[in-house]
Amino acid sequence: DGDALGSQFGLKKSLELTFPKKHFFAIGEKDTPKNLRSFFPSFDEYEV
């Protein structure tokens, strides 16, 4: 929902600004609700 996505991307963006040398990944699928899709970026892939 909006809270899950907002906290995930909001915290990620803040951490990227605070720690510019580190790497942050928002893990997810293409399951963003229709009425929220225009607000959020795409998810990231991470290879362990």
All heavy atoms as atom14 arrays in JSON, in Angstrom:
{
  "sequence": "DGDALGSQFGLKKSLELTFPKKHFFAIGEKDTPKNLRSFFPSFDEYEV",
  "atom14_mask": [
    [1, 1, 1, 1, 1, 1, 1, 1, 0, 0, 0, 0, 0, 0],
    [1, 1, 1, 1, 0, 0, 0, 0, 0, 0, 0, 0, 0, 0],
    [1, 1, 1, 1, 1, 1, 1, 1, 0, 0, 0, 0, 0, 0],
    [1, 1, 1, 1, 1, 0, 0, 0, 0, 0, 0, 0, 0, 0],
    [1, 1, 1, 1, 1, 1, 1, 1, 0, 0, 0, 0, 0, 0],
    [1, 1, 1, 1, 0, 0, 0, 0, 0, 0, 0, 0, 0, 0],
    [1, 1, 1, 1, 1, 1, 0, 0, 0, 0, 0, 0, 0, 0],
    [1, 1, 1, 1, 1, 1, 1, 1, 1, 0, 0, 0, 0, 0],
    [1, 1, 1, 1, 1, 1, 1, 1, 1, 1, 1, 0, 0, 0],
    [1, 1, 1, 1, 0, 0, 0, 0, 0, 0, 0, 0, 0, 0],
    [1, 1, 1, 1, 1, 1, 1, 1, 0, 0, 0, 0, 0, 0],
    [1, 1, 1, 1, 1, 1, 1, 1, 1, 0, 0, 0, 0, 0],
    [1, 1, 1, 1, 1, 1, 1, 1, 1, 0, 0, 0, 0, 0],
    [1, 1, 1, 1, 1, 1, 0, 0, 0, 0, 0, 0, 0, 0],
    [1, 1, 1, 1, 1, 1, 1, 1, 0, 0, 0, 0, 0, 0],
    [1, 1, 1, 1, 1, 1, 1, 1, 1, 0, 0, 0, 0, 0],
    [1, 1, 1, 1, 1, 1, 1, 1, 0, 0, 0, 0, 0, 0],
    [1, 1, 1, 1, 1, 1, 1, 0, 0, 0, 0, 0, 0, 0],
    [1, 1, 1, 1, 1, 1, 1, 1, 1, 1, 1, 0, 0, 0],
    [1, 1, 1, 1, 1, 1, 1, 0, 0, 0, 0, 0, 0, 0],
    [1, 1, 1, 1, 1, 1, 1, 1, 1, 0, 0, 0, 0, 0],
    [1, 1, 1, 1, 1, 1, 1, 1, 1, 0, 0, 0, 0, 0],
    [1, 1, 1, 1, 1, 1, 1, 1, 1, 1, 0, 0, 0, 0],
    [1, 1, 1, 1, 1, 1, 1, 1, 1, 1, 1, 0, 0, 0],
    [1, 1, 1, 1, 1, 1, 1, 1, 1, 1, 1, 0, 0, 0],
    [1, 1, 1, 1, 1, 0, 0, 0, 0, 0, 0, 0, 0, 0],
    [1, 1, 1, 1, 1, 1, 1, 1, 0, 0, 0, 0, 0, 0],
    [1, 1, 1, 1, 0, 0, 0, 0, 0, 0, 0, 0, 0, 0],
    [1, 1, 1, 1, 1, 1, 1, 1, 1, 0, 0, 0, 0, 0],
    [1, 1, 1, 1, 1, 1, 1, 1, 1, 0, 0, 0, 0, 0],
    [1, 1, 1, 1, 1, 1, 1, 1, 0, 0, 0, 0, 0, 0],
    [1, 1, 1, 1, 1, 1, 1, 0, 0, 0, 0, 0, 0, 0],
    [1, 1, 1, 1, 1, 1, 1, 0, 0, 0, 0, 0, 0, 0],
    [1, 1, 1, 1, 1, 1, 1, 1, 1, 0, 0, 0, 0, 0],
    [1, 1, 1, 1, 1, 1, 1, 1, 0, 0, 0, 0, 0, 0],
    [1, 1, 1, 1, 1, 1, 1, 1, 0, 0, 0, 0, 0, 0],
    [1, 1, 1, 1, 1, 1, 1, 1, 1, 1, 1, 0, 0, 0],
    [1, 1, 1, 1, 1, 1, 0, 0, 0, 0, 0, 0, 0, 0],
    [1, 1, 1, 1, 1, 1, 1, 1, 1, 1, 1, 0, 0, 0],
    [1, 1, 1, 1, 1, 1, 1, 1, 1, 1, 1, 0, 0, 0],
    [1, 1, 1, 1, 1, 1, 1, 0, 0, 0, 0, 0, 0, 0],
    [1, 1, 1, 1, 1, 1, 0, 0, 0, 0, 0, 0, 0, 0],
    [1, 1, 1, 1, 1, 1, 1, 1, 1, 1, 1, 0, 0, 0],
    [1, 1, 1, 1, 1, 1, 1, 1, 0, 0, 0, 0, 0, 0],
    [1, 1, 1, 1, 1, 1, 1, 1, 1, 0, 0, 0, 0, 0],
    [1, 1, 1, 1, 1, 1, 1, 1, 1, 1, 1, 1, 0, 0],
    [1, 1, 1, 1, 1, 1, 1, 1, 1, 0, 0, 0, 0, 0],
    [1, 1, 1, 1, 1, 1, 1, 0, 0, 0, 0, 0, 0, 0]
  ],
  "atom14_positions": [
    [[0.86, -1.18, 0.0], [0.0, 0.0, 0.0], [0.89, 1.23, 0.0], [2.13, 1.13, -0.13], [-0.94, -0.01, 1.21], [-0.19, -0.16, 2.53], [1.05, -0.04, 2.56], [-0.85, -0.42, 3.55], [0.0, 0.0, 0.0], [0.0, 0.0, 0.0], [0.0, 0.0, 0.0], [0.0, 0.0, 0.0], [0.0, 0.0, 0.0], [0.0, 0.0, 0.0]],
    [[0.3, 2.4, 0.15], [1.08, 3.63, 0.1], [2.1, 3.74, 1.21], [3.2, 4.27, 1.01], [0.0, 0.0, 0.0], [0.0, 0.0, 0.0], [0.0, 0.0, 0.0], [0.0, 0.0, 0.0], [0.0, 0.0, 0.0], [0.0, 0.0, 0.0], [0.0, 0.0, 0.0], [0.0, 0.0, 0.0], [0.0, 0.0, 0.0], [0.0, 0.0, 0.0]],
    [[1.77, 3.21, 2.4], [2.7, 3.29, 3.52], [3.92, 2.4, 3.31], [5.05, 2.8, 3.58], [1.98, 2.91, 4.82], [2.8, 3.21, 6.06], [3.59, 4.18, 6.03], [2.65, 2.5, 7.06], [0.0, 0.0, 0.0], [0.0, 0.0, 0.0], [0.0, 0.0, 0.0], [0.0, 0.0, 0.0], [0.0, 0.0, 0.0], [0.0, 0.0, 0.0]],
    [[3.68, 1.18, 2.82], [4.8, 0.27, 2.56], [5.74, 0.85, 1.5], [6.96, 0.85, 1.67], [4.26, -1.08, 2.1], [0.0, 0.0, 0.0], [0.0, 0.0, 0.0], [0.0, 0.0, 0.0], [0.0, 0.0, 0.0], [0.0, 0.0, 0.0], [0.0, 0.0, 0.0], [0.0, 0.0, 0.0], [0.0, 0.0, 0.0], [0.0, 0.0, 0.0]],
    [[5.17, 1.36, 0.42], [5.98, 1.92, -0.66], [6.61, 3.25, -0.25], [7.78, 3.52, -0.54], [5.12, 2.11, -1.9], [4.59, 0.83, -2.55], [3.49, 1.15, -3.55], [5.72, 0.06, -3.22], [0.0, 0.0, 0.0], [0.0, 0.0, 0.0], [0.0, 0.0, 0.0], [0.0, 0.0, 0.0], [0.0, 0.0, 0.0], [0.0, 0.0, 0.0]],
    [[5.83, 4.09, 0.43], [6.34, 5.4, 0.84], [7.49, 5.29, 1.8], [8.5, 6.01, 1.68], [0.0, 0.0, 0.0], [0.0, 0.0, 0.0], [0.0, 0.0, 0.0], [0.0, 0.0, 0.0], [0.0, 0.0, 0.0], [0.0, 0.0, 0.0], [0.0, 0.0, 0.0], [0.0, 0.0, 0.0], [0.0, 0.0, 0.0], [0.0, 0.0, 0.0]],
    [[7.4, 4.38, 2.78], [8.48, 4.22, 3.74], [9.7, 3.57, 3.09], [10.84, 3.94, 3.38], [8.01, 3.39, 4.93], [7.54, 2.11, 4.54], [0.0, 0.0, 0.0], [0.0, 0.0, 0.0], [0.0, 0.0, 0.0], [0.0, 0.0, 0.0], [0.0, 0.0, 0.0], [0.0, 0.0, 0.0], [0.0, 0.0, 0.0], [0.0, 0.0, 0.0]],
    [[9.47, 2.63, 2.18], [10.57, 1.95, 1.5], [11.37, 2.93, 0.64], [12.6, 3.03, 0.76], [10.03, 0.81, 0.64], [11.13, -0.04, -0.03], [10.55, -1.14, -0.92], [9.46, -1.0, -1.49], [11.24, -2.25, -1.02], [0.0, 0.0, 0.0], [0.0, 0.0, 0.0], [0.0, 0.0, 0.0], [0.0, 0.0, 0.0], [0.0, 0.0, 0.0]],
    [[10.68, 3.67, -0.22], [11.39, 4.59, -1.11], [11.79, 5.88, -0.42], [12.82, 6.48, -0.76], [10.52, 4.9, -2.34], [10.47, 3.78, -3.33], [9.32, 3.0, -3.47], [11.57, 3.48, -4.12], [9.28, 1.96, -4.39], [11.53, 2.44, -5.04], [10.39, 1.67, -5.17], [0.0, 0.0, 0.0], [0.0, 0.0, 0.0], [0.0, 0.0, 0.0]],
    [[11.0, 6.33, 0.56], [11.35, 7.54, 1.29], [12.63, 7.35, 2.1], [13.52, 8.21, 2.09], [0.0, 0.0, 0.0], [0.0, 0.0, 0.0], [0.0, 0.0, 0.0], [0.0, 0.0, 0.0], [0.0, 0.0, 0.0], [0.0, 0.0, 0.0], [0.0, 0.0, 0.0], [0.0, 0.0, 0.0], [0.0, 0.0, 0.0], [0.0, 0.0, 0.0]],
    [[12.73, 6.22, 2.8], [13.94, 5.94, 3.57], [15.13, 5.7, 2.64], [16.24, 6.17, 2.91], [13.73, 4.72, 4.46], [14.91, 4.35, 5.36], [15.31, 5.5, 6.27], [14.6, 3.1, 6.19], [0.0, 0.0, 0.0], [0.0, 0.0, 0.0], [0.0, 0.0, 0.0], [0.0, 0.0, 0.0], [0.0, 0.0, 0.0], [0.0, 0.0, 0.0]],
    [[14.9, 4.98, 1.55], [16.0, 4.73, 0.61], [16.58, 6.04, 0.08], [17.8, 6.23, 0.07], [15.5, 3.88, -0.57], [16.6, 3.61, -1.61], [16.05, 3.05, -2.91], [17.17, 2.93, -3.93], [16.68, 2.59, -5.29], [0.0, 0.0, 0.0], [0.0, 0.0, 0.0], [0.0, 0.0, 0.0], [0.0, 0.0, 0.0], [0.0, 0.0, 0.0]],
    [[15.73, 6.95, -0.34], [16.2, 8.22, -0.89], [16.97, 9.03, 0.16], [18.02, 9.62, -0.14], [15.01, 9.02, -1.42], [15.37, 10.39, -2.0], [16.41, 10.3, -3.11], [15.92, 9.54, -4.31], [16.93, 9.54, -5.42], [0.0, 0.0, 0.0], [0.0, 0.0, 0.0], [0.0, 0.0, 0.0], [0.0, 0.0, 0.0], [0.0, 0.0, 0.0]],
    [[16.47, 9.04, 1.39], [17.15, 9.76, 2.46], [18.52, 9.14, 2.75], [19.52, 9.86, 2.94], [16.29, 9.75, 3.73], [16.98, 10.38, 4.78], [0.0, 0.0, 0.0], [0.0, 0.0, 0.0], [0.0, 0.0, 0.0], [0.0, 0.0, 0.0], [0.0, 0.0, 0.0], [0.0, 0.0, 0.0], [0.0, 0.0, 0.0], [0.0, 0.0, 0.0]],
    [[18.57, 7.81, 2.78], [19.84, 7.13, 3.04], [20.84, 7.36, 1.91], [22.05, 7.51, 2.16], [19.6, 5.63, 3.24], [18.88, 5.23, 4.53], [18.52, 3.75, 4.51], [19.74, 5.55, 5.75], [0.0, 0.0, 0.0], [0.0, 0.0, 0.0], [0.0, 0.0, 0.0], [0.0, 0.0, 0.0], [0.0, 0.0, 0.0], [0.0, 0.0, 0.0]],
    [[20.36, 7.4, 0.68], [21.25, 7.66, -0.45], [21.89, 9.04, -0.34], [23.07, 9.22, -0.68], [20.48, 7.55, -1.76], [20.15, 6.12, -2.16], [19.28, 6.05, -3.4], [18.56, 7.03, -3.69], [19.3, 5.01, -4.08], [0.0, 0.0, 0.0], [0.0, 0.0, 0.0], [0.0, 0.0, 0.0], [0.0, 0.0, 0.0], [0.0, 0.0, 0.0]],
    [[21.13, 10.01, 0.14], [21.67, 11.36, 0.31], [22.64, 11.43, 1.48], [23.63, 12.17, 1.44], [20.52, 12.34, 0.55], [19.56, 12.57, -0.62], [18.35, 13.37, -0.17], [20.26, 13.28, -1.77], [0.0, 0.0, 0.0], [0.0, 0.0, 0.0], [0.0, 0.0, 0.0], [0.0, 0.0, 0.0], [0.0, 0.0, 0.0], [0.0, 0.0, 0.0]],
    [[22.35, 10.66, 2.53], [23.17, 10.69, 3.74], [24.46, 9.88, 3.58], [25.5, 10.25, 4.1], [22.37, 10.15, 4.94], [21.13, 10.84, 5.03], [23.14, 10.33, 6.24], [0.0, 0.0, 0.0], [0.0, 0.0, 0.0], [0.0, 0.0, 0.0], [0.0, 0.0, 0.0], [0.0, 0.0, 0.0], [0.0, 0.0, 0.0], [0.0, 0.0, 0.0]],
    [[24.36, 8.76, 2.85], [25.51, 7.87, 2.65], [25.74, 7.69, 1.15], [25.45, 6.62, 0.59], [25.25, 6.51, 3.3], [25.01, 6.56, 4.78], [23.71, 6.7, 5.28], [26.06, 6.45, 5.69], [23.48, 6.72, 6.65], [25.83, 6.47, 7.05], [24.54, 6.61, 7.53], [0.0, 0.0, 0.0], [0.0, 0.0, 0.0], [0.0, 0.0, 0.0]],
    [[26.27, 8.7, 0.46], [26.38, 8.64, -1.0], [27.33, 7.56, -1.54], [27.25, 7.21, -2.72], [26.89, 10.05, -1.36], [27.55, 10.54, -0.12], [26.76, 9.97, 1.01], [0.0, 0.0, 0.0], [0.0, 0.0, 0.0], [0.0, 0.0, 0.0], [0.0, 0.0, 0.0], [0.0, 0.0, 0.0], [0.0, 0.0, 0.0], [0.0, 0.0, 0.0]],
    [[28.19, 7.02, -0.71], [29.14, 6.0, -1.17], [28.61, 4.58, -0.99], [29.24, 3.62, -1.42], [30.47, 6.16, -0.44], [31.21, 7.46, -0.79], [32.56, 7.53, -0.11], [33.29, 8.83, -0.47], [34.64, 8.92, 0.17], [0.0, 0.0, 0.0], [0.0, 0.0, 0.0], [0.0, 0.0, 0.0], [0.0, 0.0, 0.0], [0.0, 0.0, 0.0]],
    [[27.48, 4.44, -0.35], [26.9, 3.12, -0.13], [25.85, 2.8, -1.19], [25.44, 3.68, -1.96], [26.29, 3.04, 1.28], [27.34, 3.17, 2.4], [26.72, 3.02, 3.76], [27.8, 3.14, 4.85], [28.76, 2.01, 4.8], [0.0, 0.0, 0.0], [0.0, 0.0, 0.0], [0.0, 0.0, 0.0], [0.0, 0.0, 0.0], [0.0, 0.0, 0.0]],
    [[25.41, 1.55, -1.21], [24.48, 1.1, -2.25], [23.18, 0.63, -1.58], [23.2, -0.25, -0.71], [25.09, -0.04, -3.05], [26.45, 0.26, -3.59], [26.67, 1.15, -4.62], [27.68, -0.18, -3.21], [27.97, 1.24, -4.87], [28.6, 0.44, -4.03], [0.0, 0.0, 0.0], [0.0, 0.0, 0.0], [0.0, 0.0, 0.0], [0.0, 0.0, 0.0]],
    [[22.07, 1.21, -2.02], [20.77, 0.89, -1.43], [19.85, 0.31, -2.51], [19.81, 0.8, -3.64], [20.15, 2.15, -0.82], [20.98, 2.73, 0.29], [21.92, 3.73, 0.02], [20.87, 2.26, 1.59], [22.71, 4.26, 1.03], [21.66, 2.79, 2.6], [22.59, 3.79, 2.32], [0.0, 0.0, 0.0], [0.0, 0.0, 0.0], [0.0, 0.0, 0.0]],
    [[19.11, -0.73, -2.13], [18.27, -1.44, -3.09], [16.85, -1.6, -2.53], [16.66, -2.16, -1.45], [18.85, -2.84, -3.36], [20.27, -2.82, -3.89], [21.34, -2.74, -3.0], [20.52, -2.89, -5.24], [22.65, -2.73, -3.47], [21.83, -2.88, -5.73], [22.89, -2.8, -4.84], [0.0, 0.0, 0.0], [0.0, 0.0, 0.0], [0.0, 0.0, 0.0]],
    [[15.87, -1.1, -3.26], [14.46, -1.29, -2.91], [13.99, -2.57, -3.59], [13.88, -2.63, -4.82], [13.62, -0.11, -3.36], [0.0, 0.0, 0.0], [0.0, 0.0, 0.0], [0.0, 0.0, 0.0], [0.0, 0.0, 0.0], [0.0, 0.0, 0.0], [0.0, 0.0, 0.0], [0.0, 0.0, 0.0], [0.0, 0.0, 0.0], [0.0, 0.0, 0.0]],
    [[13.76, -3.61, -2.81], [13.41, -4.92, -3.35], [11.9, -5.03, -3.51], [11.14, -4.73, -2.59], [13.91, -6.04, -2.42], [15.43, -5.9, -2.19], [13.58, -7.41, -3.01], [16.27, -5.96, -3.44], [0.0, 0.0, 0.0], [0.0, 0.0, 0.0], [0.0, 0.0, 0.0], [0.0, 0.0, 0.0], [0.0, 0.0, 0.0], [0.0, 0.0, 0.0]],
    [[11.46, -5.45, -4.7], [10.03, -5.57, -4.92], [9.7, -6.18, -6.26], [10.59, -6.52, -7.05], [0.0, 0.0, 0.0], [0.0, 0.0, 0.0], [0.0, 0.0, 0.0], [0.0, 0.0, 0.0], [0.0, 0.0, 0.0], [0.0, 0.0, 0.0], [0.0, 0.0, 0.0], [0.0, 0.0, 0.0], [0.0, 0.0, 0.0], [0.0, 0.0, 0.0]],
    [[8.41, -6.31, -6.51], [7.9, -6.81, -7.77], [7.05, -5.74, -8.42], [6.87, -4.66, -7.85], [7.05, -8.07, -7.52], [7.8, -9.19, -6.82], [6.88, -10.33, -6.44], [5.65, -10.14, -6.52], [7.39, -11.39, -6.05], [0.0, 0.0, 0.0], [0.0, 0.0, 0.0], [0.0, 0.0, 0.0], [0.0, 0.0, 0.0], [0.0, 0.0, 0.0]],
    [[6.51, -6.05, -9.57], [5.63, -5.1, -10.25], [4.21, -5.25, -9.7], [3.28, -5.64, -10.4], [5.66, -5.36, -11.76], [7.02, -5.09, -12.39], [7.01, -5.38, -13.88], [8.38, -5.11, -14.51], [8.38, -5.41, -15.96], [0.0, 0.0, 0.0], [0.0, 0.0, 0.0], [0.0, 0.0, 0.0], [0.0, 0.0, 0.0], [0.0, 0.0, 0.0]],
    [[4.07, -4.91, -8.41], [2.77, -5.1, -7.76], [2.25, -3.82, -7.13], [1.43, -3.85, -6.21], [2.87, -6.2, -6.7], [4.0, -5.99, -5.7], [4.77, -5.02, -5.86], [4.12, -6.79, -4.75], [0.0, 0.0, 0.0], [0.0, 0.0, 0.0], [0.0, 0.0, 0.0], [0.0, 0.0, 0.0], [0.0, 0.0, 0.0], [0.0, 0.0, 0.0]],
    [[2.73, -2.67, -7.61], [2.26, -1.39, -7.09], [0.8, -1.15, -7.5], [0.45, -1.31, -8.66], [3.14, -0.24, -7.62], [4.49, -0.48, -7.24], [2.69, 1.09, -7.06], [0.0, 0.0, 0.0], [0.0, 0.0, 0.0], [0.0, 0.0, 0.0], [0.0, 0.0, 0.0], [0.0, 0.0, 0.0], [0.0, 0.0, 0.0], [0.0, 0.0, 0.0]],
    [[-0.07, -0.77, -6.56], [-1.47, -0.52, -6.9], [-1.61, 0.53, -8.0], [-0.79, 1.45, -8.11], [-2.06, 0.0, -5.57], [-1.19, -0.58, -4.52], [0.2, -0.61, -5.11], [0.0, 0.0, 0.0], [0.0, 0.0, 0.0], [0.0, 0.0, 0.0], [0.0, 0.0, 0.0], [0.0, 0.0, 0.0], [0.0, 0.0, 0.0], [0.0, 0.0, 0.0]],
    [[-2.66, 0.39, -8.77], [-2.89, 1.24, -9.94], [-2.86, 2.73, -9.61], [-2.27, 3.53, -10.35], [-4.24, 0.86, -10.56], [-4.61, 1.62, -11.82], [-5.95, 1.12, -12.34], [-6.4, 1.89, -13.58], [-7.72, 1.41, -14.07], [0.0, 0.0, 0.0], [0.0, 0.0, 0.0], [0.0, 0.0, 0.0], [0.0, 0.0, 0.0], [0.0, 0.0, 0.0]],
    [[-3.48, 3.13, -8.48], [-3.58, 4.55, -8.17], [-2.29, 5.13, -7.58], [-2.21, 6.32, -7.3], [-4.74, 4.8, -7.2], [-4.55, 4.12, -5.86], [-3.86, 3.1, -5.76], [-5.17, 4.65, -4.83], [0.0, 0.0, 0.0], [0.0, 0.0, 0.0], [0.0, 0.0, 0.0], [0.0, 0.0, 0.0], [0.0, 0.0, 0.0], [0.0, 0.0, 0.0]],
    [[-1.25, 4.3, -7.42], [0.01, 4.77, -6.85], [1.19, 4.67, -7.83], [2.28, 5.15, -7.55], [0.36, 3.98, -5.58], [-0.6, 4.1, -4.39], [-0.18, 3.16, -3.28], [-0.64, 5.54, -3.88], [0.0, 0.0, 0.0], [0.0, 0.0, 0.0], [0.0, 0.0, 0.0], [0.0, 0.0, 0.0], [0.0, 0.0, 0.0], [0.0, 0.0, 0.0]],
    [[0.96, 4.05, -8.97], [2.06, 3.74, -9.88], [2.81, 4.97, -10.38], [4.01, 4.93, -10.61], [1.54, 2.94, -11.09], [1.17, 1.52, -10.73], [0.49, 0.8, -11.89], [-0.09, -0.45, -11.44], [-0.98, -1.14, -12.12], [-1.38, -0.71, -13.32], [-1.47, -2.27, -11.64], [0.0, 0.0, 0.0], [0.0, 0.0, 0.0], [0.0, 0.0, 0.0]],
    [[2.11, 6.07, -10.54], [2.76, 7.27, -11.09], [3.69, 7.94, -10.09], [4.5, 8.78, -10.46], [1.7, 8.28, -11.55], [0.92, 8.74, -10.45], [0.0, 0.0, 0.0], [0.0, 0.0, 0.0], [0.0, 0.0, 0.0], [0.0, 0.0, 0.0], [0.0, 0.0, 0.0], [0.0, 0.0, 0.0], [0.0, 0.0, 0.0], [0.0, 0.0, 0.0]],
    [[3.59, 7.57, -8.81], [4.37, 8.24, -7.78], [5.74, 7.62, -7.52], [6.67, 8.3, -7.09], [3.6, 8.26, -6.45], [2.39, 9.14, -6.45], [1.14, 8.61, -6.18], [2.51, 10.49, -6.72], [0.02, 9.42, -6.16], [1.38, 11.31, -6.72], [0.14, 10.78, -6.44], [0.0, 0.0, 0.0], [0.0, 0.0, 0.0], [0.0, 0.0, 0.0]],
    [[5.87, 6.32, -7.74], [7.07, 5.62, -7.28], [7.93, 5.11, -8.43], [7.42, 4.74, -9.49], [6.67, 4.46, -6.37], [5.99, 4.9, -5.11], [4.61, 4.77, -4.98], [6.7, 5.46, -4.07], [3.96, 5.19, -3.82], [6.06, 5.88, -2.91], [4.7, 5.75, -2.79], [0.0, 0.0, 0.0], [0.0, 0.0, 0.0], [0.0, 0.0, 0.0]],
    [[9.25, 5.04, -8.21], [10.16, 4.52, -9.24], [10.11, 3.0, -9.31], [9.38, 2.35, -8.54], [11.54, 5.0, -8.75], [11.39, 5.07, -7.26], [9.97, 5.51, -7.01], [0.0, 0.0, 0.0], [0.0, 0.0, 0.0], [0.0, 0.0, 0.0], [0.0, 0.0, 0.0], [0.0, 0.0, 0.0], [0.0, 0.0, 0.0], [0.0, 0.0, 0.0]],
    [[10.88, 2.43, -10.21], [10.93, 0.97, -10.34], [11.77, 0.37, -9.22], [12.58, 1.06, -8.58], [11.51, 0.58, -11.7], [12.8, 1.15, -11.87], [0.0, 0.0, 0.0], [0.0, 0.0, 0.0], [0.0, 0.0, 0.0], [0.0, 0.0, 0.0], [0.0, 0.0, 0.0], [0.0, 0.0, 0.0], [0.0, 0.0, 0.0], [0.0, 0.0, 0.0]],
    [[11.59, -0.92, -9.0], [12.34, -1.6, -7.95], [13.72, -2.0, -8.46], [14.01, -1.97, -9.66], [11.57, -2.83, -7.47], [10.27, -2.48, -6.81], [9.06, -2.65, -7.48], [10.24, -1.96, -5.53], [7.86, -2.32, -6.88], [9.05, -1.63, -4.91], [7.86, -1.81, -5.59], [0.0, 0.0, 0.0], [0.0, 0.0, 0.0], [0.0, 0.0, 0.0]],
    [[14.58, -2.38, -7.51], [15.96, -2.72, -7.84], [16.18, -4.23, -7.81], [15.47, -4.96, -7.1], [16.92, -2.07, -6.83], [16.73, -0.57, -6.73], [16.76, 0.09, -7.8], [16.54, -0.05, -5.61], [0.0, 0.0, 0.0], [0.0, 0.0, 0.0], [0.0, 0.0, 0.0], [0.0, 0.0, 0.0], [0.0, 0.0, 0.0], [0.0, 0.0, 0.0]],
    [[17.17, -4.68, -8.56], [17.57, -6.09, -8.52], [18.89, -6.19, -7.75], [19.72, -5.29, -7.82], [17.73, -6.65, -9.93], [16.41, -6.71, -10.7], [16.58, -7.36, -12.06], [17.72, -7.8, -12.37], [15.59, -7.43, -12.81], [0.0, 0.0, 0.0], [0.0, 0.0, 0.0], [0.0, 0.0, 0.0], [0.0, 0.0, 0.0], [0.0, 0.0, 0.0]],
    [[19.04, -7.29, -7.03], [20.26, -7.48, -6.24], [20.72, -8.92, -6.38], [19.95, -9.86, -6.19], [20.02, -7.17, -4.77], [21.27, -7.28, -3.92], [22.22, -6.27, -3.92], [21.5, -8.41, -3.12], [23.37, -6.36, -3.16], [22.64, -8.5, -2.34], [23.57, -7.48, -2.37], [24.72, -7.58, -1.61], [0.0, 0.0, 0.0], [0.0, 0.0, 0.0]],
    [[21.99, -9.08, -6.75], [22.58, -10.41, -6.88], [23.48, -10.67, -5.68], [24.44, -9.93, -5.44], [23.39, -10.51, -8.17], [23.87, -11.91, -8.47], [24.47, -12.03, -9.87], [24.11, -11.23, -10.75], [25.31, -12.93, -10.05], [0.0, 0.0, 0.0], [0.0, 0.0, 0.0], [0.0, 0.0, 0.0], [0.0, 0.0, 0.0], [0.0, 0.0, 0.0]],
    [[23.13, -11.68, -4.92], [23.88, -11.97, -3.69], [25.29, -12.45, -4.01], [25.5, -13.31, -4.88], [23.15, -13.05, -2.86], [23.97, -13.43, -1.63], [21.78, -12.54, -2.44], [0.0, 0.0, 0.0], [0.0, 0.0, 0.0], [0.0, 0.0, 0.0], [0.0, 0.0, 0.0], [0.0, 0.0, 0.0], [0.0, 0.0, 0.0], [0.0, 0.0, 0.0]]
  ]
}
